Amino acid sequence: MTARNHDLASPPVALSALRGASEVIAVCGVAAMLLGACSTTETFVSAPIAAAPSIPAESVVGRWGLASYHRDTDRERTLKEARSQCNNPYVIKAGTNGGVVMNLADEAEPSELHIKSSADGRTFIGRAGPPGEITDMELSAYDGKVMTIQYLDPDVTARYGTMVYVKCDQASGTPSKPKATGATG
């Protein structure tokens, strides 16, 4: 009987080992959770990486004929309409901080905007900040005489369409003549 009482007073070796093992398992479980938190990958949405602007701001300063279209089939007609607007041009001025002064959608007063390029080569005009913000305009075509711009916000694009700017000659107010190319004979 003494052996039995002794057995009740101190747990058998196997039970003691289980208790020790359960403590080890608990500690390992907590450690696994802590380490798991360290190795959890989270997806961060980062702003597009900016690159040096591909178009200098001073190259878009000037007087522009402006028109817009909603269907790509109307582009040629819209170019002609933009050229005819040089008698009442849209004026883009130089900003005081290296940008250009233009109107954003639905804003009566012009403000200084910046030409921004993304790492993938796209060019935007918008407020200071990363390129490609929803309020930015994307400059999809530019050759020094004609620029094509579309707002990134689909609601704004639905209202304004794709805008075509044709650079006007400073002296006469007529569209600038394209540079002659090709060989002379």
C-alpha atoms as a PDB file:
ATOM      1  CA  MET A   1       0.000   0.000   0.000  1.00  0.00           C
ATOM      2  CA  THR A   2       2.873   2.266   0.658  1.00  0.00           C
ATOM      3  CA  ALA A   3       3.983   1.871  -2.890  1.00  0.00           C
ATOM      4  CA  ARG A   4       0.550   2.748  -4.042  1.00  0.00           C
ATOM      5  CA  ASN A   5       0.389   5.901  -1.951  1.00  0.00           C
ATOM      6  CA  HIS A   6       3.793   6.752  -3.229  1.00  0.00           C
ATOM      7  CA  ASP A   7       2.475   6.268  -6.765  1.00  0.00           C
ATOM      8  CA  LEU A   8      -0.423   8.644  -6.089  1.00  0.00           C
ATOM      9  CA  ALA A   9       1.781  11.246  -4.457  1.00  0.00           C
ATOM     10  CA  SER A  10       4.212  11.464  -7.321  1.00  0.00           C
ATOM     11  CA  PRO A  11       2.977  11.026 -10.845  1.00  0.00           C
ATOM     12  CA  PRO A  12       4.309   8.155 -12.895  1.00  0.00           C
ATOM     13  CA  VAL A  13       7.305   8.920 -15.075  1.00  0.00           C
ATOM     14  CA  ALA A  14       5.227   8.758 -18.272  1.00  0.00           C
ATOM     15  CA  LEU A  15       2.720  11.346 -17.008  1.00  0.00           C
ATOM     16  CA  SER A  16       5.549  13.611 -15.893  1.00  0.00           C
ATOM     17  CA  ALA A  17       7.127  13.285 -19.329  1.00  0.00           C
ATOM     18  CA  LEU A  18       3.805  14.198 -20.955  1.00  0.00           C
ATOM     19  CA  ARG A  19       3.495  17.278 -18.792  1.00  0.00           C
ATOM     20  CA  GLY A  20       6.999  18.341 -19.794  1.00  0.00           C
ATOM     21  CA  ALA A  21       6.237  17.578 -23.435  1.00  0.00           C
ATOM     22  CA  SER A  22       3.033  19.633 -23.332  1.00  0.00           C
ATOM     23  CA  GLU A  23       5.000  22.601 -21.975  1.00  0.00           C
ATOM     24  CA  VAL A  24       7.534  22.190 -24.766  1.00  0.00           C
ATOM     25  CA  ILE A  25       4.724  21.932 -27.330  1.00  0.00           C
ATOM     26  CA  ALA A  26       3.076  25.068 -25.929  1.00  0.00           C
ATOM     27  CA  VAL A  27       6.355  26.987 -26.083  1.00  0.00           C
ATOM     28  CA  CYS A  28       6.995  25.719 -29.603  1.00  0.00           C
ATOM     29  CA  GLY A  29       3.460  26.709 -30.635  1.00  0.00           C
ATOM     30  CA  VAL A  30       3.936  30.267 -29.347  1.00  0.00           C
ATOM     31  CA  ALA A  31       7.346  30.448 -31.034  1.00  0.00           C
ATOM     32  CA  ALA A  32       5.846  29.175 -34.287  1.00  0.00           C
ATOM     33  CA  MET A  33       3.137  31.841 -34.179  1.00  0.00           C
ATOM     34  CA  LEU A  34       5.685  34.563 -33.525  1.00  0.00           C
ATOM     35  CA  LEU A  35       7.979  33.336 -36.266  1.00  0.00           C
ATOM     36  CA  GLY A  36       5.005  32.885 -38.577  1.00  0.00           C
ATOM     37  CA  ALA A  37       4.102  36.528 -38.071  1.00  0.00           C
ATOM     38  CA  CYS A  38       7.616  37.470 -39.129  1.00  0.00           C
ATOM     39  CA  SER A  39       7.427  35.453 -42.309  1.00  0.00           C
ATOM     40  CA  THR A  40       3.953  36.552 -43.333  1.00  0.00           C
ATOM     41  CA  THR A  41       4.099  38.336 -46.646  1.00  0.00           C
ATOM     42  CA  GLU A  42       1.868  41.330 -47.014  1.00  0.00           C
ATOM     43  CA  THR A  43       1.031  42.944 -50.297  1.00  0.00           C
ATOM     44  CA  PHE A  44       1.768  46.637 -50.271  1.00  0.00           C
ATOM     45  CA  VAL A  45       0.422  48.834 -53.019  1.00  0.00           C
ATOM     46  CA  SER A  46       3.097  51.334 -53.790  1.00  0.00           C
ATOM     47  CA  ALA A  47       2.896  54.437 -55.880  1.00  0.00           C
ATOM     48  CA  PRO A  48       4.369  54.184 -59.371  1.00  0.00           C
ATOM     49  CA  ILE A  49       8.048  54.977 -59.432  1.00  0.00           C
ATOM     50  CA  ALA A  50       8.729  58.353 -60.955  1.00  0.00           C
ATOM     51  CA  ALA A  51      11.352  58.890 -63.618  1.00  0.00           C
ATOM     52  CA  ALA A  52      12.772  62.086 -65.056  1.00  0.00           C
ATOM     53  CA  PRO A  53      10.155  63.772 -67.261  1.00  0.00           C
ATOM     54  CA  SER A  54      10.624  62.861 -70.904  1.00  0.00           C
ATOM     55  CA  ILE A  55       9.189  66.202 -72.010  1.00  0.00           C
ATOM     56  CA  PRO A  56      10.495  69.476 -70.573  1.00  0.00           C
ATOM     57  CA  ALA A  57       7.760  71.711 -69.168  1.00  0.00           C
ATOM     58  CA  GLU A  58       8.914  74.685 -71.248  1.00  0.00           C
ATOM     59  CA  SER A  59       8.172  72.769 -74.444  1.00  0.00           C
ATOM     60  CA  VAL A  60       4.427  72.798 -73.746  1.00  0.00           C
ATOM     61  CA  VAL A  61       4.316  76.460 -72.717  1.00  0.00           C
ATOM     62  CA  GLY A  62       2.596  78.520 -75.377  1.00  0.00           C
ATOM     63  CA  ARG A  63      -0.625  79.019 -77.314  1.00  0.00           C
ATOM     64  CA  TRP A  64      -2.582  75.947 -78.374  1.00  0.00           C
ATOM     65  CA  GLY A  65      -5.652  75.257 -80.455  1.00  0.00           C
ATOM     66  CA  LEU A  66      -7.763  72.801 -78.477  1.00  0.00           C
ATOM     67  CA  ALA A  67     -10.507  70.355 -79.424  1.00  0.00           C
ATOM     68  CA  SER A  68     -11.597  66.916 -78.207  1.00  0.00           C
ATOM     69  CA  TYR A  69     -13.164  63.718 -79.469  1.00  0.00           C
ATOM     70  CA  HIS A  70     -14.807  60.609 -78.031  1.00  0.00           C
ATOM     71  CA  ARG A  71     -14.332  58.182 -80.931  1.00  0.00           C
ATOM     72  CA  ASP A  72     -10.931  57.416 -82.461  1.00  0.00           C
ATOM     73  CA  THR A  73     -12.503  57.731 -85.918  1.00  0.00           C
ATOM     74  CA  ASP A  74     -13.001  61.457 -85.164  1.00  0.00           C
ATOM     75  CA  ARG A  75      -9.317  62.189 -84.514  1.00  0.00           C
ATOM     76  CA  GLU A  76      -8.473  63.674 -87.945  1.00  0.00           C
ATOM     77  CA  ARG A  77     -11.526  65.900 -87.939  1.00  0.00           C
ATOM     78  CA  THR A  78     -10.660  66.989 -84.380  1.00  0.00           C
ATOM     79  CA  LEU A  79      -7.095  67.891 -85.411  1.00  0.00           C
ATOM     80  CA  LYS A  80      -8.520  70.239 -88.051  1.00  0.00           C
ATOM     81  CA  GLU A  81     -10.894  71.728 -85.483  1.00  0.00           C
ATOM     82  CA  ALA A  82      -8.042  72.241 -83.007  1.00  0.00           C
ATOM     83  CA  ARG A  83      -6.010  74.036 -85.701  1.00  0.00           C
ATOM     84  CA  SER A  84      -8.938  76.345 -86.365  1.00  0.00           C
ATOM     85  CA  GLN A  85      -9.007  77.294 -82.669  1.00  0.00           C
ATOM     86  CA  CYS A  86      -5.662  79.086 -82.910  1.00  0.00           C
ATOM     87  CA  ASN A  87      -7.581  82.354 -83.390  1.00  0.00           C
ATOM     88  CA  ASN A  88      -8.805  81.854 -79.787  1.00  0.00           C
ATOM     89  CA  PRO A  89      -6.008  79.754 -78.265  1.00  0.00           C
ATOM     90  CA  TYR A  90      -5.755  77.981 -74.949  1.00  0.00           C
ATOM     91  CA  VAL A  91      -2.665  79.461 -73.275  1.00  0.00           C
ATOM     92  CA  ILE A  92      -0.343  77.285 -71.203  1.00  0.00           C
ATOM     93  CA  LYS A  93       1.979  79.392 -69.040  1.00  0.00           C
ATOM     94  CA  ALA A  94       5.177  78.496 -67.214  1.00  0.00           C
ATOM     95  CA  GLY A  95       4.679  77.799 -63.529  1.00  0.00           C
ATOM     96  CA  THR A  96       6.782  79.309 -60.762  1.00  0.00           C
ATOM     97  CA  ASN A  97       7.987  75.887 -59.548  1.00  0.00           C
ATOM     98  CA  GLY A  98       9.055  74.326 -62.840  1.00  0.00           C
ATOM     99  CA  GLY A  99       5.610  73.170 -63.926  1.00  0.00           C
ATOM    100  CA  VAL A 100       2.974  74.504 -66.301  1.00  0.00           C
ATOM    101  CA  VAL A 101      -0.190  76.439 -65.519  1.00  0.00           C
ATOM    102  CA  MET A 102      -3.251  74.653 -66.866  1.00  0.00           C
ATOM    103  CA  ASN A 103      -6.810  73.810 -65.877  1.00  0.00           C
ATOM    104  CA  LEU A 104      -7.683  70.435 -64.432  1.00  0.00           C
ATOM    105  CA  ALA A 105     -11.098  68.936 -65.106  1.00  0.00           C
ATOM    106  CA  ASP A 106     -14.004  70.829 -63.566  1.00  0.00           C
ATOM    107  CA  GLU A 107     -11.750  73.534 -62.097  1.00  0.00           C
ATOM    108  CA  ALA A 108     -12.391  77.095 -63.214  1.00  0.00           C
ATOM    109  CA  GLU A 109      -9.033  78.416 -62.041  1.00  0.00           C
ATOM    110  CA  PRO A 110      -5.807  77.129 -63.596  1.00  0.00           C
ATOM    111  CA  SER A 111      -3.117  75.808 -61.271  1.00  0.00           C
ATOM    112  CA  GLU A 112       0.490  74.760 -61.573  1.00  0.00           C
ATOM    113  CA  LEU A 113       0.766  71.193 -62.791  1.00  0.00           C
ATOM    114  CA  HIS A 114       3.851  69.085 -63.315  1.00  0.00           C
ATOM    115  CA  ILE A 115       4.975  66.845 -66.139  1.00  0.00           C
ATOM    116  CA  LYS A 116       5.731  63.476 -64.572  1.00  0.00           C
ATOM    117  CA  SER A 117       7.047  60.280 -66.107  1.00  0.00           C
ATOM    118  CA  SER A 118       6.677  56.781 -64.728  1.00  0.00           C
ATOM    119  CA  ALA A 119       9.354  54.100 -64.828  1.00  0.00           C
ATOM    120  CA  ASP A 120       7.449  52.347 -67.637  1.00  0.00           C
ATOM    121  CA  GLY A 121       7.847  55.412 -69.879  1.00  0.00           C
ATOM    122  CA  ARG A 122       4.339  56.889 -69.618  1.00  0.00           C
ATOM    123  CA  THR A 123       4.043  60.674 -69.269  1.00  0.00           C
ATOM    124  CA  PHE A 124       1.479  62.479 -67.132  1.00  0.00           C
ATOM    125  CA  ILE A 125       0.484  66.043 -66.339  1.00  0.00           C
ATOM    126  CA  GLY A 126      -0.914  66.637 -62.878  1.00  0.00           C
ATOM    127  CA  ARG A 127      -0.452  67.983 -59.391  1.00  0.00           C
ATOM    128  CA  ALA A 128       2.827  67.363 -57.582  1.00  0.00           C
ATOM    129  CA  GLY A 129       2.991  63.744 -56.461  1.00  0.00           C
ATOM    130  CA  PRO A 130       3.576  60.339 -57.955  1.00  0.00           C
ATOM    131  CA  PRO A 131       2.796  59.819 -61.645  1.00  0.00           C
ATOM    132  CA  GLY A 132      -0.464  58.148 -62.591  1.00  0.00           C
ATOM    133  CA  GLU A 133      -2.780  59.567 -59.940  1.00  0.00           C
ATOM    134  CA  ILE A 134      -6.480  59.445 -60.819  1.00  0.00           C
ATOM    135  CA  THR A 135      -6.590  63.242 -61.299  1.00  0.00           C
ATOM    136  CA  ASP A 136      -3.635  63.184 -63.721  1.00  0.00           C
ATOM    137  CA  MET A 137      -3.861  63.499 -67.475  1.00  0.00           C
ATOM    138  CA  GLU A 138      -1.851  61.061 -69.583  1.00  0.00           C
ATOM    139  CA  LEU A 139       0.077  62.588 -72.453  1.00  0.00           C
ATOM    140  CA  SER A 140      -0.319  59.786 -74.978  1.00  0.00           C
ATOM    141  CA  ALA A 141       1.222  61.544 -77.986  1.00  0.00           C
ATOM    142  CA  TYR A 142       3.536  64.534 -78.326  1.00  0.00           C
ATOM    143  CA  ASP A 143       5.729  65.684 -81.211  1.00  0.00           C
ATOM    144  CA  GLY A 144       6.328  69.316 -80.252  1.00  0.00           C
ATOM    145  CA  LYS A 145       3.456  70.560 -82.453  1.00  0.00           C
ATOM    146  CA  VAL A 146       0.568  68.286 -81.457  1.00  0.00           C
ATOM    147  CA  MET A 147      -0.147  66.699 -78.095  1.00  0.00           C
ATOM    148  CA  THR A 148      -2.904  64.280 -77.208  1.00  0.00           C
ATOM    149  CA  ILE A 149      -4.089  64.091 -73.618  1.00  0.00           C
ATOM    150  CA  GLN A 150      -6.629  61.939 -71.821  1.00  0.00           C
ATOM    151  CA  TYR A 151      -7.687  62.043 -68.167  1.00  0.00           C
ATOM    152  CA  LEU A 152      -7.048  58.898 -66.143  1.00  0.00           C
ATOM    153  CA  ASP A 153     -10.383  59.229 -64.342  1.00  0.00           C
ATOM    154  CA  PRO A 154     -12.888  57.386 -66.579  1.00  0.00           C
ATOM    155  CA  ASP A 155     -15.764  59.663 -65.490  1.00  0.00           C
ATOM    156  CA  VAL A 156     -13.815  62.744 -66.539  1.00  0.00           C
ATOM    157  CA  THR A 157     -12.792  61.129 -69.835  1.00  0.00           C
ATOM    158  CA  ALA A 158     -16.446  60.306 -70.503  1.00  0.00           C
ATOM    159  CA  ARG A 159     -17.249  64.025 -70.214  1.00  0.00           C
ATOM    160  CA  TYR A 160     -14.194  65.618 -71.847  1.00  0.00           C
ATOM    161  CA  GLY A 161     -13.053  62.916 -74.239  1.00  0.00           C
ATOM    162  CA  THR A 162      -9.547  62.784 -75.655  1.00  0.00           C
ATOM    163  CA  MET A 163      -8.125  66.274 -75.990  1.00  0.00           C
ATOM    164  CA  VAL A 164      -5.965  67.338 -78.917  1.00  0.00           C
ATOM    165  CA  TYR A 165      -3.754  70.413 -78.622  1.00  0.00           C
ATOM    166  CA  VAL A 166      -2.182  71.937 -81.756  1.00  0.00           C
ATOM    167  CA  LYS A 167       0.611  74.453 -81.137  1.00  0.00           C
ATOM    168  CA  CYS A 168      -0.153  77.864 -82.640  1.00  0.00           C
ATOM    169  CA  ASP A 169       2.439  80.113 -84.255  1.00  0.00           C
ATOM    170  CA  GLN A 170       3.255  82.827 -81.731  1.00  0.00           C
ATOM    171  CA  ALA A 171       3.225  85.691 -84.230  1.00  0.00           C
ATOM    172  CA  SER A 172       0.204  84.994 -86.405  1.00  0.00           C
ATOM    173  CA  GLY A 173      -2.006  82.830 -84.210  1.00  0.00           C
ATOM    174  CA  THR A 174      -2.113  80.187 -86.932  1.00  0.00           C
ATOM    175  CA  PRO A 175      -1.072  76.583 -86.425  1.00  0.00           C
ATOM    176  CA  SER A 176       2.665  76.053 -86.431  1.00  0.00           C
ATOM    177  CA  LYS A 177       3.948  74.558 -89.656  1.00  0.00           C
ATOM    178  CA  PRO A 178       5.435  71.083 -89.309  1.00  0.00           C
ATOM    179  CA  LYS A 179       9.185  70.849 -89.864  1.00  0.00           C
ATOM    180  CA  ALA A 180      10.130  69.793 -93.377  1.00  0.00           C
ATOM    181  CA  THR A 181      11.662  66.362 -93.594  1.00  0.00           C
ATOM    182  CA  GLY A 182      13.171  64.341 -96.398  1.00  0.00           C
ATOM    183  CA  ALA A 183      15.823  64.904 -99.006  1.00  0.00           C
ATOM    184  CA  THR A 184      15.704  67.732-101.491  1.00  0.00           C
ATOM    185  CA  GLY A 185      16.271  66.938-105.062  1.00  0.00           C
END
